[in-house]
Protein backbone atom coordinates (compact mmCIF):
# COMPACT_ATOMS: atom_id res chain seq x y z
CA MET A 1 -27.35 -2.83 -13.72
CA GLU A 2 -26.97 0.32 -15.87
CA TYR A 3 -23.64 2.47 -14.55
CA ARG A 4 -25.50 5.50 -14.23
CA ARG A 5 -27.01 3.89 -11.29
CA LEU A 6 -23.83 3.96 -9.51
CA VAL A 7 -22.92 7.23 -10.93
CA GLU A 8 -25.67 8.62 -9.43
CA ILE A 9 -24.66 7.10 -5.61
CA TYR A 10 -20.80 8.77 -6.30
CA ASP A 11 -22.79 11.89 -7.14
CA ARG A 12 -24.58 11.65 -3.36
CA LEU A 13 -21.38 10.56 -1.75
CA ASP A 14 -19.68 13.64 -3.23
CA ALA A 15 -22.35 15.94 -2.18
CA THR A 16 -21.93 15.09 1.70
CA SER A 17 -18.89 15.43 3.99
CA SER A 18 -20.34 13.72 6.64
CA THR A 19 -18.72 9.83 7.03
CA LEU A 20 -22.30 8.85 8.84
CA GLU A 21 -24.12 9.95 5.45
CA LYS A 22 -21.69 8.33 3.16
CA THR A 23 -21.92 4.94 4.87
CA ASP A 24 -25.80 5.10 4.87
CA ILE A 25 -25.87 6.07 1.16
CA LEU A 26 -23.16 2.74 0.94
CA ALA A 27 -25.12 0.08 3.20
CA ASP A 28 -28.50 1.10 0.98
CA ALA A 29 -26.83 0.73 -1.90
CA PHE A 30 -25.05 -2.95 -0.80
CA VAL A 31 -28.12 -4.09 0.07
CA ASP A 32 -30.14 -3.51 -3.29
CA ALA A 33 -27.06 -4.41 -4.99
CA GLY A 34 -28.14 -7.38 -5.97
CA GLU A 35 -25.93 -10.28 -7.60
CA LEU A 36 -23.38 -6.91 -8.40
CA LEU A 37 -22.65 -6.61 -4.75
CA PRO A 38 -18.97 -7.88 -5.22
CA GLU A 39 -18.16 -5.04 -7.77
CA PHE A 40 -20.15 -2.33 -5.93
CA THR A 41 -17.70 -2.82 -2.77
CA GLN A 42 -15.16 -2.26 -5.04
CA LEU A 43 -16.09 0.28 -7.33
CA ALA A 44 -17.66 2.67 -4.10
CA ARG A 45 -13.76 3.28 -3.57
CA GLY A 46 -13.23 3.46 -6.88
CA ARG A 47 -10.71 0.39 -6.66
CA LEU A 48 -10.72 -3.01 -9.62
CA PHE A 49 -8.80 -5.15 -7.33
CA ALA A 50 -8.66 -6.47 -3.78
CA SER A 51 -5.75 -4.81 -1.91
CA TRP A 52 -3.36 -7.92 -2.76
CA GLU A 53 -3.80 -7.94 -6.57
CA ASN A 54 -1.76 -6.40 -9.21
CA ASP A 55 -3.68 -3.59 -9.72
CA ASP A 56 -1.31 -1.76 -12.49
CA LEU A 57 -3.41 -0.90 -15.37
CA GLY A 58 -0.41 -0.06 -17.49
CA VAL A 59 -2.46 3.65 -18.64
CA SER A 60 -0.72 6.72 -17.74
CA SER A 61 -2.74 9.66 -17.01
CA SER A 62 -1.67 11.14 -20.70
CA LEU A 63 -2.83 7.86 -22.42
CA THR A 64 -5.89 8.10 -20.82
CA ALA A 65 -6.32 11.91 -22.16
CA GLN A 66 -5.11 10.59 -25.53
CA ALA A 67 -8.64 8.02 -25.16
CA ILE A 68 -10.52 11.13 -24.15
CA ALA A 69 -9.69 12.95 -27.29
CA ASN A 70 -9.86 9.57 -29.49
CA ALA A 71 -13.50 9.39 -27.85
CA THR A 72 -14.96 12.60 -28.50
CA GLY A 73 -12.78 14.30 -31.12
CA ILE A 74 -11.85 17.15 -28.82
CA ASP A 75 -8.35 18.41 -29.85
CA SER A 76 -5.58 17.17 -27.29
CA ASP A 77 -4.43 20.84 -26.15
CA GLN A 78 -8.28 21.75 -25.03
CA ILE A 79 -8.58 18.46 -22.66
CA GLU A 80 -5.02 19.34 -21.60
CA SER A 81 -6.68 22.96 -20.89
CA TRP A 82 -9.42 21.64 -19.15
CA TRP A 83 -7.21 19.61 -17.06
CA ARG A 84 -5.32 22.37 -15.54
CA GLU A 85 -8.11 24.11 -14.99
CA THR A 86 -9.72 21.62 -12.64
CA GLY A 87 -6.52 19.73 -11.45
CA ASP A 88 -9.28 16.70 -12.19
CA LEU A 89 -8.87 14.88 -15.47
CA GLY A 90 -12.00 13.20 -14.63
CA ASP A 91 -13.88 16.51 -15.34
CA ALA A 92 -12.13 17.38 -18.16
CA ALA A 93 -13.79 13.84 -19.55
CA ALA A 94 -17.14 15.33 -18.62
CA ASN A 95 -16.77 18.66 -20.33
CA ALA A 96 -14.92 16.44 -23.35
CA ILE A 97 -17.99 14.27 -23.52
CA GLU A 98 -20.54 17.38 -23.10
CA ASN A 99 -18.36 18.84 -26.45
CA ARG A 100 -17.55 16.00 -28.15
CA THR A 101 -17.68 16.73 -32.17
CA GLN A 102 -18.13 13.20 -32.76
CA THR A 103 -20.75 10.60 -31.80
CA THR A 104 -21.38 6.89 -32.92
CA LEU A 105 -24.12 5.85 -34.75
CA VAL A 106 -25.56 3.32 -32.00
CA SER A 107 -24.46 4.12 -28.60
CA ASP A 108 -25.29 1.34 -25.70
CA THR A 109 -26.11 1.98 -22.19
CA LEU A 110 -22.93 1.33 -20.28
CA GLU A 111 -23.80 -1.11 -17.66
CA ILE A 112 -21.81 -1.53 -14.23
CA GLN A 113 -20.56 -5.08 -15.12
CA THR A 114 -18.95 -4.13 -18.66
CA VAL A 115 -17.14 -0.85 -17.03
CA TYR A 116 -15.68 -3.39 -14.28
CA THR A 117 -14.61 -6.00 -16.72
CA THR A 118 -13.45 -3.91 -19.19
CA LEU A 119 -10.98 -1.87 -16.90
CA ARG A 120 -10.00 -5.08 -14.75
CA GLY A 121 -8.69 -6.16 -18.59
CA LEU A 122 -6.85 -3.70 -19.03
CA ALA A 123 -3.87 -4.86 -16.70
CA GLU A 124 -4.17 -8.32 -18.77
CA TYR A 125 -2.78 -6.67 -22.25
CA GLU A 126 1.12 -7.66 -22.66
CA GLY A 127 3.29 -7.50 -25.52
CA SER A 128 3.26 -5.34 -28.80
CA GLY A 129 0.20 -3.21 -29.35
CA SER A 130 -0.99 -3.30 -25.94
CA GLN A 131 -1.25 0.49 -25.09
CA LYS A 132 -3.54 0.98 -28.15
CA ARG A 133 -5.63 -1.54 -27.18
CA ARG A 134 -5.86 -0.09 -23.70
CA ILE A 135 -6.79 3.67 -25.45
CA ASP A 136 -9.30 1.90 -27.74
CA ASP A 137 -10.70 0.18 -25.36
CA ILE A 138 -11.40 3.36 -22.94
CA ALA A 139 -12.27 5.47 -25.68
CA ASN A 140 -14.79 2.78 -26.82
CA LEU A 141 -16.57 2.97 -23.09
CA LEU A 142 -16.60 6.59 -22.97
CA ALA A 143 -17.88 7.16 -26.70
CA ASP A 144 -20.92 5.43 -24.72
CA ALA A 145 -20.75 7.83 -21.80
CA GLN A 146 -23.01 10.41 -20.35
CA PRO A 147 -20.71 13.25 -18.96
CA ASP A 148 -20.94 12.31 -15.05
CA GLU A 149 -20.31 8.49 -16.04
CA ALA A 150 -17.33 9.82 -18.26
CA ARG A 151 -15.94 11.83 -15.43
CA TYR A 152 -16.01 8.68 -12.71
CA ILE A 153 -15.01 6.23 -15.39
CA VAL A 154 -11.75 8.32 -15.67
CA ARG A 155 -11.15 8.85 -12.08
CA THR A 156 -11.53 5.34 -11.63
CA ILE A 157 -8.59 4.77 -13.90
CA VAL A 158 -6.47 7.20 -12.83
CA GLY A 159 -7.36 6.24 -9.11
CA ALA A 160 -8.60 9.81 -7.79
CA MET A 161 -11.86 9.45 -6.92
CA ARG A 162 -12.24 12.40 -4.67
CA LEU A 163 -15.57 11.14 -2.63
CA GLY A 164 -13.76 10.41 0.56
CA VAL A 165 -14.72 6.61 1.55
CA GLY A 166 -12.03 4.69 2.33
CA GLU A 167 -11.43 0.89 4.28
CA GLY A 168 -13.36 2.31 7.42
CA THR A 169 -16.21 3.83 5.61
CA ILE A 170 -16.47 0.16 3.43
CA ARG A 171 -16.04 -1.55 6.89
CA ASP A 172 -18.93 0.57 8.61
CA ALA A 173 -21.49 0.09 5.18
CA ILE A 174 -21.00 -3.84 5.25
CA ALA A 175 -21.89 -3.81 9.44
CA THR A 176 -24.75 -1.46 8.53
CA ALA A 177 -26.27 -3.46 5.45
CA PHE A 178 -26.13 -6.61 7.12
CA PHE A 179 -26.06 -6.88 10.51
CA ASP A 180 -26.94 -3.88 12.89
CA GLY A 181 -24.12 -1.77 12.79
CA SER A 182 -23.09 -2.07 16.31
CA ASP A 183 -19.68 -2.02 17.73
CA GLU A 184 -19.48 -5.64 17.93
CA ALA A 185 -20.58 -5.83 14.29
CA THR A 186 -18.35 -3.52 12.74
CA ARG A 187 -15.23 -5.11 14.59
CA ALA A 188 -16.24 -8.74 12.99
CA VAL A 189 -16.68 -7.25 9.49
CA GLU A 190 -12.87 -5.49 10.26
CA ARG A 191 -11.41 -8.87 11.61
CA ALA A 192 -12.60 -10.73 8.11
CA TYR A 193 -11.23 -7.88 6.18
CA GLU A 194 -8.13 -8.10 8.21
CA VAL A 195 -7.79 -11.95 7.52
CA THR A 196 -8.80 -11.79 3.39
CA ASN A 197 -7.84 -8.35 2.52
CA ASP A 198 -10.94 -8.47 -0.01
CA PHE A 199 -13.79 -6.39 0.57
CA GLN A 200 -16.19 -8.38 -2.03
CA ILE A 201 -15.35 -11.77 -0.17
CA VAL A 202 -16.80 -9.84 2.86
CA SER A 203 -19.32 -8.29 1.70
CA GLU A 204 -20.74 -11.29 0.14
CA THR A 205 -20.06 -13.35 3.00
CA ALA A 206 -22.01 -11.27 5.66
CA ARG A 207 -24.53 -11.07 3.11
CA GLU A 208 -24.90 -15.01 2.74
CA GLN A 209 -23.28 -16.49 5.80
CA GLY A 210 -24.05 -13.91 8.50
CA ARG A 211 -21.83 -13.39 11.76
CA ASP A 212 -21.24 -17.22 11.79
CA GLY A 213 -19.47 -16.70 8.15
CA LEU A 214 -17.15 -13.94 8.87
CA ASP A 215 -15.94 -15.41 12.32
CA ALA A 216 -15.13 -18.69 9.84
CA LEU A 217 -13.36 -16.35 7.79
CA ASP A 218 -9.24 -16.79 8.14
CA VAL A 219 -5.75 -16.25 6.37
CA GLU A 220 -5.28 -18.78 3.38
CA LEU A 221 -2.22 -19.61 1.18
CA PHE A 222 -1.32 -17.23 -1.31
CA ARG A 223 -3.64 -14.52 -0.52
CA PRO A 224 -1.66 -12.37 1.54
CA VAL A 225 -2.38 -10.23 4.81
CA LYS A 226 -1.33 -7.08 5.94
CA ALA A 227 1.62 -6.83 8.32
CA MET A 228 0.95 -6.34 12.04
CA LEU A 229 2.38 -2.68 13.04
CA ALA A 230 4.56 -1.69 15.87
CA GLN A 231 3.69 1.20 17.63
CA LYS A 232 7.25 3.26 19.02
CA ALA A 233 8.14 3.25 22.57
CA GLU A 234 10.16 5.86 24.56
CA ASP A 235 12.89 3.00 25.55
CA VAL A 236 13.83 0.08 26.35
CA ALA A 237 12.83 0.54 29.65
CA ASP A 238 9.05 1.78 28.40
CA ALA A 239 9.13 -1.24 26.20
CA LEU A 240 9.44 -3.90 28.64
CA GLU A 241 6.85 -2.20 31.17
CA ALA A 242 4.36 -1.85 28.60
CA ILE A 243 4.64 -5.85 27.57
CA GLU A 244 4.35 -8.53 30.12
CA GLN A 245 5.72 -11.15 28.54
CA PRO A 246 8.49 -9.37 25.80
CA LEU A 247 10.48 -10.87 23.57
CA LEU A 248 12.95 -8.90 22.26
CA GLU A 249 14.32 -9.33 18.19
CA TYR A 250 16.33 -7.07 15.97
CA LYS A 251 14.29 -4.51 13.71
CA TYR A 252 16.35 -4.55 10.69
CA ASP A 253 16.88 -2.53 7.96
CA GLY A 254 15.13 -4.64 4.96
CA MET A 255 12.02 -5.75 3.17
CA ARG A 256 9.39 -7.14 5.65
CA THR A 257 8.17 -10.22 3.71
CA LYS A 258 5.50 -13.49 3.67
CA ILE A 259 6.49 -16.59 2.25
CA HIS A 260 3.47 -18.74 1.27
CA ILE A 261 4.97 -22.19 0.71
CA LYS A 262 2.31 -25.42 -0.48
CA GLY A 263 4.31 -28.00 -1.64
CA ASP A 264 6.78 -27.17 -4.19
CA GLU A 265 4.88 -23.73 -4.76
CA ILE A 266 6.86 -20.73 -2.99
CA ARG A 267 5.35 -17.33 -3.69
CA VAL A 268 7.00 -14.40 -1.55
CA PHE A 269 5.20 -11.06 -1.15
CA THR A 270 6.01 -7.89 0.39
CA ARG A 271 4.68 -5.82 3.09
CA ARG A 272 2.52 -3.89 0.17
CA LEU A 273 1.21 -7.15 -0.93
CA GLU A 274 2.76 -7.70 -4.13
CA ASP A 275 3.89 -10.71 -5.49
CA VAL A 276 7.64 -10.52 -5.82
CA THR A 277 8.64 -13.93 -6.19
CA THR A 278 9.86 -13.98 -9.55
CA GLN A 279 12.48 -11.26 -8.60
CA PHE A 280 13.89 -13.37 -5.52
CA PRO A 281 14.45 -16.43 -6.90
CA ASP A 282 17.14 -17.03 -4.28
CA ILE A 283 14.81 -16.63 -1.39
CA VAL A 284 12.71 -19.64 -3.52
CA ALA A 285 15.74 -21.97 -3.88
CA ALA A 286 16.75 -21.42 0.18
CA VAL A 287 13.02 -22.04 1.37
CA HIS A 288 12.84 -25.70 -1.05
CA GLU A 289 16.24 -26.08 0.68
CA GLU A 290 16.01 -24.79 3.90
CA ILE A 291 12.61 -24.69 4.99
CA ASP A 292 10.69 -28.40 6.31
CA ALA A 293 7.24 -27.50 6.00
CA GLU A 294 4.16 -28.94 3.58
CA SER A 295 2.43 -25.33 3.61
CA ALA A 296 3.10 -22.68 5.84
CA ILE A 297 2.85 -18.95 5.86
CA ILE A 298 6.27 -17.13 7.24
CA GLU A 299 7.07 -13.74 7.93
CA ALA A 300 10.16 -12.61 7.66
CA GLU A 301 12.81 -9.65 6.91
CA VAL A 302 15.04 -9.72 4.03
CA VAL A 303 18.36 -8.08 4.39
CA VAL A 304 21.38 -8.17 2.26
CA TYR A 305 24.95 -7.87 3.85
CA HIS A 306 28.02 -6.11 2.43
CA PRO A 307 30.08 -9.25 1.84
CA GLU A 308 33.46 -7.66 3.07
CA THR A 309 32.23 -5.65 6.18
CA GLY A 310 28.96 -7.94 7.36
CA SER A 311 27.35 -4.53 7.11
CA PRO A 312 23.46 -4.39 6.32
CA ILE A 313 23.54 -2.57 2.88
CA PRO A 314 20.91 0.42 2.94
CA PHE A 315 17.03 -1.02 1.91
CA GLN A 316 16.86 1.71 -0.32
CA GLU A 317 20.20 0.27 -1.99
CA PHE A 318 18.95 -3.20 -2.40
CA SER A 319 15.22 -2.65 -3.04
CA LYS A 320 16.15 -2.07 -6.97
CA ARG A 321 15.53 -6.23 -6.51
CA ILE A 322 12.16 -5.65 -6.47
CA LYS A 323 10.74 -3.65 -9.13
CA ARG A 324 13.54 -5.45 -11.35
CA LYS A 325 11.83 -7.09 -14.62
CA ASN A 326 15.64 -8.01 -16.02
CA ASP A 327 18.73 -9.56 -15.42
CA ILE A 328 17.39 -10.75 -11.71
CA GLU A 329 19.89 -13.74 -11.40
CA GLU A 330 22.71 -10.90 -12.06
CA LEU A 331 21.16 -8.63 -9.33
CA ALA A 332 20.47 -11.60 -7.16
CA GLU A 333 24.13 -12.37 -7.21
CA GLU A 334 25.46 -8.68 -6.17
CA TYR A 335 22.51 -8.42 -3.56
CA PRO A 336 22.57 -11.67 -2.09
CA ALA A 337 19.56 -12.34 0.37
CA THR A 338 19.49 -13.40 3.73
CA VAL A 339 16.30 -14.09 5.30
CA HIS A 340 15.65 -13.33 8.81
CA VAL A 341 12.34 -14.91 9.92
CA PHE A 342 10.42 -14.10 12.96
CA ASP A 343 6.67 -15.23 12.61
CA LEU A 344 4.55 -18.34 11.46
CA LEU A 345 0.62 -17.34 10.13
CA TYR A 346 0.08 -20.66 8.94
CA HIS A 347 1.34 -24.45 9.10
CA ASP A 348 0.23 -27.78 7.51
CA GLY A 349 -3.48 -26.46 7.31
CA GLU A 350 -3.87 -24.77 10.40
CA PRO A 351 -3.71 -20.84 10.45
CA LEU A 352 -2.09 -19.84 13.53
CA VAL A 353 -3.10 -15.64 13.84
CA ASP A 354 -5.20 -16.07 16.77
CA THR A 355 -2.26 -18.66 18.31
CA PRO A 356 -0.44 -16.95 20.92
CA LEU A 357 3.40 -15.58 19.63
CA SER A 358 4.91 -17.96 22.01
CA GLU A 359 3.81 -21.15 20.05
CA ARG A 360 4.15 -19.47 16.37
CA VAL A 361 7.48 -19.32 17.36
CA GLU A 362 8.21 -22.47 18.45
CA ARG A 363 6.49 -24.32 15.49
CA LEU A 364 8.14 -21.64 13.13
CA GLU A 365 12.07 -22.67 14.75
CA GLY A 366 11.11 -26.15 14.26
CA LEU A 367 11.11 -25.45 10.35
CA ILE A 368 14.60 -24.75 10.03
CA ASN A 369 16.56 -27.99 8.76
CA HIS A 370 19.98 -26.62 9.63
CA ASP A 371 21.84 -25.28 12.72
CA GLY A 372 21.81 -21.54 11.56
CA GLU A 373 25.36 -21.43 10.13
CA THR A 374 26.01 -19.44 6.77
CA LYS A 375 22.43 -20.16 5.28
CA THR A 376 20.05 -17.92 3.57
CA ILE A 377 17.30 -18.87 6.29
CA GLN A 378 18.01 -17.08 9.67
CA ARG A 379 16.10 -16.84 12.85
CA ALA A 380 15.66 -13.60 13.45
CA GLU A 381 18.40 -12.19 16.49
CA ASN A 382 16.09 -12.51 19.65
CA LEU A 383 16.15 -12.34 23.27
CA ARG A 384 13.74 -13.15 26.35
CA PRO A 385 15.26 -10.69 28.63
CA ALA A 386 16.01 -11.52 32.42
CA SER A 387 16.58 -7.96 33.15
CA ILE A 388 16.47 -4.80 31.86
CA GLU A 389 20.38 -4.42 31.75
CA GLN A 390 20.31 -7.73 29.14
CA ALA A 391 17.48 -6.09 27.24
CA GLU A 392 19.59 -2.46 27.12
CA SER A 393 23.21 -4.89 25.94
CA PHE A 394 20.73 -6.55 23.28
CA TYR A 395 19.55 -3.31 22.05
CA ALA A 396 23.03 -1.68 22.28
CA ASP A 397 24.06 -4.76 20.24
CA ALA A 398 21.48 -4.65 17.57
CA LEU A 399 22.56 -0.71 17.08
CA GLU A 400 26.33 -1.99 16.98
CA ALA A 401 25.57 -4.38 14.01
CA GLY A 402 24.08 -1.55 11.64
CA GLN A 403 20.36 -2.98 12.54
CA GLU A 404 17.31 -0.07 13.01
CA GLY A 405 16.78 -1.13 16.67
CA LEU A 406 14.64 -3.62 18.80
CA ILE A 407 10.91 -4.63 17.91
CA VAL A 408 9.62 -5.66 21.64
CA LYS A 409 6.74 -8.54 21.20
CA ASN A 410 4.03 -9.79 23.50
CA LEU A 411 4.65 -13.89 24.05
CA ASN A 412 0.91 -13.77 24.88
CA ALA A 413 -0.77 -12.35 21.68
CA PRO A 414 -2.17 -13.48 19.07
CA TYR A 415 -1.40 -11.62 15.45
CA GLN A 416 -3.25 -8.84 14.44
CA PRO A 417 -3.08 -7.92 10.72
CA GLY A 418 -2.39 -4.57 10.01
CA SER A 419 -3.22 -3.06 13.68
CA ARG A 420 -1.30 -0.78 15.53
CA VAL A 421 -2.31 -2.60 18.80
CA GLY A 422 0.18 -2.47 21.50
CA TYR A 423 1.27 -6.26 21.11
CA MET A 424 4.52 -4.92 19.32
CA LEU A 425 6.41 -2.05 20.28
CA LYS A 426 9.68 -0.77 18.29
CA VAL A 427 12.50 1.33 20.09
CA LYS A 428 14.90 3.36 17.81
CA PRO A 429 17.06 6.36 18.27
CA MET A 430 15.31 9.67 18.59
CA MET A 431 14.52 11.60 15.37
CA GLU A 432 14.33 8.73 12.98
CA PRO A 433 13.67 9.46 9.53
CA LEU A 434 9.95 9.70 8.29
CA ASP A 435 8.34 7.70 5.20
CA LEU A 436 6.03 10.02 3.62
CA VAL A 437 4.49 10.35 0.43
CA VAL A 438 5.29 12.63 -2.93
CA VAL A 439 2.39 14.28 -3.92
CA GLN A 440 3.22 17.20 -5.85
CA ALA A 441 6.85 17.73 -7.62
CA LYS A 442 7.92 20.57 -10.14
CA TRP A 443 10.43 20.63 -12.67
CA SER A 444 13.92 22.34 -11.91
CA GLU A 445 15.45 25.08 -13.90
CA GLY A 446 18.64 25.40 -15.94
CA ARG A 447 20.40 22.43 -17.15
CA LYS A 448 18.03 20.65 -14.82
CA SER A 449 14.80 21.77 -16.19
CA ASP A 450 13.83 18.22 -17.34
CA TRP A 451 13.66 16.81 -14.18
CA LEU A 452 10.96 16.56 -11.54
CA GLY A 453 12.25 17.81 -8.29
CA ARG A 454 10.97 20.17 -5.49
CA LEU A 455 9.14 17.48 -3.92
CA ARG A 456 6.17 18.06 -1.52
CA LEU A 457 5.38 15.33 1.13
CA ALA A 458 2.54 14.38 2.94
CA CYS A 459 2.05 12.05 5.88
CA TRP A 460 -1.16 9.30 6.39
CA ASP A 461 -4.04 10.52 8.60
CA ALA A 462 -5.86 7.32 9.25
CA GLU A 463 -8.51 9.03 11.09
CA ARG A 464 -9.60 10.98 8.25
CA GLU A 465 -8.64 8.49 5.84
CA GLU A 466 -6.49 11.32 3.61
CA LEU A 467 -2.91 12.65 3.32
CA ARG A 468 -1.95 15.86 5.01
CA GLU A 469 1.89 17.73 3.71
CA VAL A 470 4.17 18.21 5.76
CA GLY A 471 6.82 20.21 4.04
CA ARG A 472 9.15 20.28 0.76
CA MET A 473 12.11 19.15 -0.59
CA PHE A 474 13.59 21.89 -2.55
CA SER A 475 17.71 20.79 -2.59
CA GLY A 476 20.01 18.11 -1.73
CA LEU A 477 19.56 15.74 -4.75
CA THR A 478 22.18 14.61 -7.24
CA ASP A 479 21.83 14.20 -10.62
CA ALA A 480 21.04 10.61 -10.66
CA GLU A 481 18.68 10.97 -7.75
CA LEU A 482 16.54 13.66 -10.12
CA ARG A 483 16.65 11.24 -12.90
CA GLU A 484 15.51 8.28 -10.99
CA ILE A 485 13.03 10.44 -9.57
CA THR A 486 11.70 11.73 -12.38
CA ALA A 487 11.61 8.36 -14.21
CA LYS A 488 9.13 7.44 -10.92
CA LEU A 489 7.03 10.62 -10.86
CA GLU A 490 6.44 11.57 -14.36
CA PRO A 491 3.80 8.50 -15.38
CA LEU A 492 1.74 9.58 -12.01
CA ILE A 493 0.97 12.97 -13.00
CA GLN A 494 -2.45 13.96 -12.80
CA SER A 495 -2.53 17.83 -13.76
CA VAL A 496 0.26 20.49 -14.70
CA ASP A 497 -0.19 23.56 -13.33
CA GLY A 498 2.60 25.68 -15.03
CA ARG A 499 6.07 23.60 -14.04
CA THR A 500 3.87 22.19 -11.16
CA ALA A 501 2.71 18.47 -11.46
CA LYS A 502 0.18 16.91 -9.02
CA LEU A 503 0.85 13.57 -8.53
CA ARG A 504 -0.96 10.12 -8.24
CA PRO A 505 0.20 9.53 -4.28
CA GLU A 506 1.69 6.06 -4.85
CA VAL A 507 5.64 7.16 -4.52
CA VAL A 508 6.81 7.00 -0.68
CA ILE A 509 10.26 8.04 0.27
CA GLU A 510 12.43 8.06 3.55
CA VAL A 511 13.04 11.69 4.60
CA GLU A 512 15.94 12.79 6.82
CA TYR A 513 15.21 16.23 8.46
CA GLU A 514 16.53 18.55 11.58
CA GLU A 515 13.76 19.27 13.41
CA ILE A 516 9.78 19.58 13.32
CA GLN A 517 8.18 22.91 13.30
CA GLU A 518 4.76 24.61 13.48
CA SER A 519 3.39 25.45 9.99
CA THR A 520 -0.07 27.13 8.98
CA THR A 521 1.66 26.55 4.98
CA TYR A 522 0.56 22.71 5.26
CA ASP A 523 -2.34 21.20 6.25
CA SER A 524 -1.32 19.57 8.84
CA GLY A 525 0.05 22.34 11.03
CA TYR A 526 3.93 21.29 10.77
CA ALA A 527 6.90 21.27 8.37
CA LEU A 528 10.04 19.39 8.17
CA ARG A 529 13.14 21.45 8.57
CA PHE A 530 15.80 21.07 5.97
CA PRO A 531 14.49 17.59 4.64
CA ARG A 532 16.59 15.44 2.74
CA PHE A 533 16.28 12.24 0.58
CA GLY A 534 16.85 9.23 2.45
CA GLY A 535 15.68 6.90 -0.74
CA PHE A 536 12.70 5.33 -1.85
CA ARG A 537 10.85 2.68 -0.15
CA ASP A 538 9.27 0.88 -2.86
CA ASP A 539 8.42 -1.78 0.15
CA LEU A 540 5.48 0.68 1.22
CA GLY A 541 2.34 2.34 -0.21
CA PRO A 542 0.39 5.55 0.86
CA GLU A 543 -1.43 3.74 3.56
CA ASN A 544 1.64 2.10 4.82
CA ALA A 545 3.46 5.79 4.99
CA ASP A 546 4.47 7.27 8.37
CA ARG A 547 0.97 8.69 10.07
CA PHE A 548 -0.02 11.94 11.29
CA GLU A 549 -0.24 11.23 15.06
CA ARG A 550 3.53 10.35 14.59
CA VAL A 551 4.48 13.44 13.40
CA GLU A 552 2.67 15.30 15.85
CA ARG A 553 4.62 13.17 18.91
CA LEU A 554 7.79 13.71 17.24
CA TYR A 555 7.63 17.21 17.53
CA GLU A 556 6.38 16.87 21.02
CA GLU A 557 9.37 14.91 21.57
CA GLN A 558 11.89 17.45 20.39
């Protein structure tokens, strides 16, 4: 199927702001997609990979701009100028194709499969010459592209489709395309996505096997699922009143992980579904030695404790292990992990997400083959409280131990990936930090002119499926922090206006602040007063950032 067919769909999506219309457009496209349905369900959002697959193409916006220049013969400065004018490298690519000075003697018609396969292949290049191969592949695609085709190819590469299509829209479109679009059908599609994190699987199963097929989908080894998320409780008493059969656990300041086990193969995934097995050989070794299971998916919080004080090291300090590719063994010795296990989603061939927590916990505890003393694998500190006084004392113990607070779980509840459904509440001190996305930065002045700072911050609005700004961080950053921030943000630059850089929204930071104020400056309607940098949250993606509704609630609770 020709790529221009997909471009026509993109243009129709872009032409409407109605979510219902977008859903209908995609539903019709899915019905007509034929054997390309998997590609359609991915490309509809400009995505090339399932959410649990490595999606790093190894291509920055600047390299993409170079590919545009190579394909068209347009001067790089002119491409940069178009890019700055619109803030959209895709528009710059379309302009370059429209005004190109060089053309190929034989131009092929672009096929959807060609575009999809070529762009996915960019992620596989390694070693010497890989950067040039990526630029050449992109340039070859653009050489055969029409202006509109080039626009969306480039937007797909840089991750900025601007079509207002989120997970909810894809879910509703599948429910409409292959069922009746009812709430019941939508929930079936949503549940299938929750346990697979892959709309390609969900869409094909819906079309080929119907509701029975969707209902049969479940968690699988080495295909990670999203973490179940907690709602905020006012205090311990509020949490106990809301949950009838409560289990209290420490809320650790660490890295939430899921550990997949199948015989001797062990893989570790973060909350963002990233595979960090290589970075944590100590966890792999500990699971081999201390967990007795032929196959399992265990959820845990990885924490590093100071060897002298016994206090937990802030996550932002030890999280450098997540991205480390060199000196892994040395870093493991410097930051030895303790793994606090607390849930079991799969055991010996049996998915357990629909099983009550009480049974999951009992089976989990039976897998730990030591007495818990001085071992890497530890059961998370927990309590089934007999009174509010006992629960309050346990909360105080958690804070005294340097942890963030408590998680209060419903022992009768199943596991609900990715949802805040009241099965789990968190209790933390008031005015807790916010995890926010960096969407814009500005080069500093004077001796710091080479560093990006002045960060513009945003929260995630799940209902609107978009980021909403809540303020800027102007000061308080050390030279070391500015260097690290610059190194993380420069590869994400999408456009530049003077000294201001608009960024691909991928970096999440922890932000401390004095209070939240109403503001007409930012599209959220709120602004943080005196925001301060608390560290990077490498375990979170933009969709895991704090929600707009939480910002609203914190404002009201001040």
